C-alpha atoms as a PDB file:
ATOM      1  CA  MET A   1      -0.504  16.369 -16.942  1.00  0.00           C
ATOM      2  CA  SER A   2      -0.015  13.230 -15.094  1.00  0.00           C
ATOM      3  CA  PRO A   3      -2.345  10.775 -14.343  1.00  0.00           C
ATOM      4  CA  GLN A   4      -3.120  12.186 -10.466  1.00  0.00           C
ATOM      5  CA  GLU A   5      -3.541  15.640 -12.166  1.00  0.00           C
ATOM      6  CA  ARG A   6      -6.099  14.473 -14.669  1.00  0.00           C
ATOM      7  CA  LEU A   7      -7.932  12.627 -12.027  1.00  0.00           C
ATOM      8  CA  ASP A   8      -8.149  16.038  -9.937  1.00  0.00           C
ATOM      9  CA  ALA A   9      -9.160  18.273 -13.053  1.00  0.00           C
ATOM     10  CA  ILE A  10     -12.095  15.769 -13.537  1.00  0.00           C
ATOM     11  CA  PHE A  11     -12.855  15.633  -9.893  1.00  0.00           C
ATOM     12  CA  GLN A  12     -12.735  19.508  -9.841  1.00  0.00           C
ATOM     13  CA  ALA A  13     -14.739  20.048 -12.843  1.00  0.00           C
ATOM     14  CA  ALA A  14     -17.435  18.401 -11.257  1.00  0.00           C
ATOM     15  CA  GLY A  15     -17.856  20.752  -8.341  1.00  0.00           C
ATOM     16  CA  ASN A  16     -15.608  18.886  -5.924  1.00  0.00           C
ATOM     17  CA  THR A  17     -12.713  20.380  -4.208  1.00  0.00           C
ATOM     18  CA  GLY A  18      -9.745  18.946  -3.272  1.00  0.00           C
ATOM     19  CA  GLN A  19      -8.107  15.841  -4.633  1.00  0.00           C
ATOM     20  CA  PHE A  20      -9.298  12.487  -5.810  1.00  0.00           C
ATOM     21  CA  ILE A  21      -6.583   9.845  -4.687  1.00  0.00           C
ATOM     22  CA  ILE A  22      -6.519   6.362  -5.216  1.00  0.00           C
ATOM     23  CA  GLN A  23      -3.762   4.699  -2.872  1.00  0.00           C
ATOM     24  CA  PRO A  24      -2.434   1.253  -2.954  1.00  0.00           C
ATOM     25  CA  SER A  25      -3.286  -0.736   0.550  1.00  0.00           C
ATOM     26  CA  ALA A  26      -1.424  -3.717   1.826  1.00  0.00           C
ATOM     27  CA  THR A  27      -3.976  -5.694   0.024  1.00  0.00           C
ATOM     28  CA  GLU A  28      -4.701  -4.308  -3.009  1.00  0.00           C
ATOM     29  CA  THR A  29      -2.214  -2.280  -5.822  1.00  0.00           C
ATOM     30  CA  ALA A  30      -3.766   1.083  -6.848  1.00  0.00           C
ATOM     31  CA  ALA A  31      -3.965  -0.339 -10.328  1.00  0.00           C
ATOM     32  CA  GLN A  32      -6.410  -2.894  -8.801  1.00  0.00           C
ATOM     33  CA  LYS A  33      -8.449  -0.301  -6.623  1.00  0.00           C
ATOM     34  CA  ILE A  34      -8.832   1.392 -10.305  1.00  0.00           C
ATOM     35  CA  ARG A  35     -10.046  -1.599 -12.067  1.00  0.00           C
ATOM     36  CA  ASN A  36     -12.513  -2.232  -9.491  1.00  0.00           C
ATOM     37  CA  ILE A  37     -13.955   1.237  -9.692  1.00  0.00           C
ATOM     38  CA  PHE A  38     -14.114   0.861 -13.590  1.00  0.00           C
ATOM     39  CA  ASP A  39     -15.969  -2.335 -13.276  1.00  0.00           C
ATOM     40  CA  VAL A  40     -18.500  -1.047 -10.912  1.00  0.00           C
ATOM     41  CA  LEU A  41     -19.050   2.276 -13.067  1.00  0.00           C
ATOM     42  CA  ILE A  42     -19.049   0.224 -16.538  1.00  0.00           C
ATOM     43  CA  GLU A  43     -21.604  -1.997 -15.306  1.00  0.00           C
ATOM     44  CA  ASP A  44     -23.917   0.883 -14.979  1.00  0.00           C
ATOM     45  CA  TYR A  45     -22.868   2.389 -18.154  1.00  0.00           C
ATOM     46  CA  GLU A  46     -23.350  -0.847 -20.195  1.00  0.00           C
ATOM     47  CA  ILE A  47     -26.862  -1.192 -18.780  1.00  0.00           C
ATOM     48  CA  THR A  48     -27.652   2.559 -19.763  1.00  0.00           C
ATOM     49  CA  LEU A  49     -26.045   1.975 -23.035  1.00  0.00           C
ATOM     50  CA  SER A  50     -28.380  -1.286 -23.650  1.00  0.00           C
ATOM     51  CA  ASN A  51     -31.376   0.685 -22.676  1.00  0.00           C
ATOM     52  CA  ARG A  52     -30.673   3.466 -24.917  1.00  0.00           C
ATOM     53  CA  ILE A  53     -30.123   1.453 -28.147  1.00  0.00           C
ATOM     54  CA  GLY A  54     -32.890  -1.101 -27.427  1.00  0.00           C
ATOM     55  CA  THR A  55     -35.288   1.912 -27.628  1.00  0.00           C
ATOM     56  CA  SER A  56     -33.426   3.978 -30.519  1.00  0.00           C
ATOM     57  CA  THR A  57     -35.715   4.362 -33.362  1.00  0.00           C
ATOM     58  CA  LEU A  58     -32.975   3.818 -35.481  1.00  0.00           C
ATOM     59  CA  VAL A  59     -31.972   0.590 -34.355  1.00  0.00           C
ATOM     60  CA  ASN A  60     -35.541  -0.484 -34.141  1.00  0.00           C
ATOM     61  CA  ASP A  61     -36.192   0.707 -37.821  1.00  0.00           C
ATOM     62  CA  TYR A  62     -33.099  -0.982 -39.166  1.00  0.00           C
ATOM     63  CA  SER A  63     -34.068  -4.501 -37.601  1.00  0.00           C
ATOM     64  CA  ASN A  64     -37.272  -4.111 -39.468  1.00  0.00           C
ATOM     65  CA  VAL A  65     -35.450  -3.883 -42.760  1.00  0.00           C
ATOM     66  CA  SER A  66     -35.816  -6.957 -44.633  1.00  0.00           C
ATOM     67  CA  GLY A  67     -32.714  -8.418 -46.431  1.00  0.00           C
END
């Protein structure tokens, strides 16, 4: 599958119809647009992950172990 076909499959699996297309513009390549989208998504993911790790009993139990 091409990258475009993989994106379309993910987009459609989420219940959407059509295609998810990232096209270059006069000021930005498609790769730059993808990077910008990734940066926005990863920021929220990192916050969620940090919150989950911070509340994990496994992490908290391990941090209480004296060495």
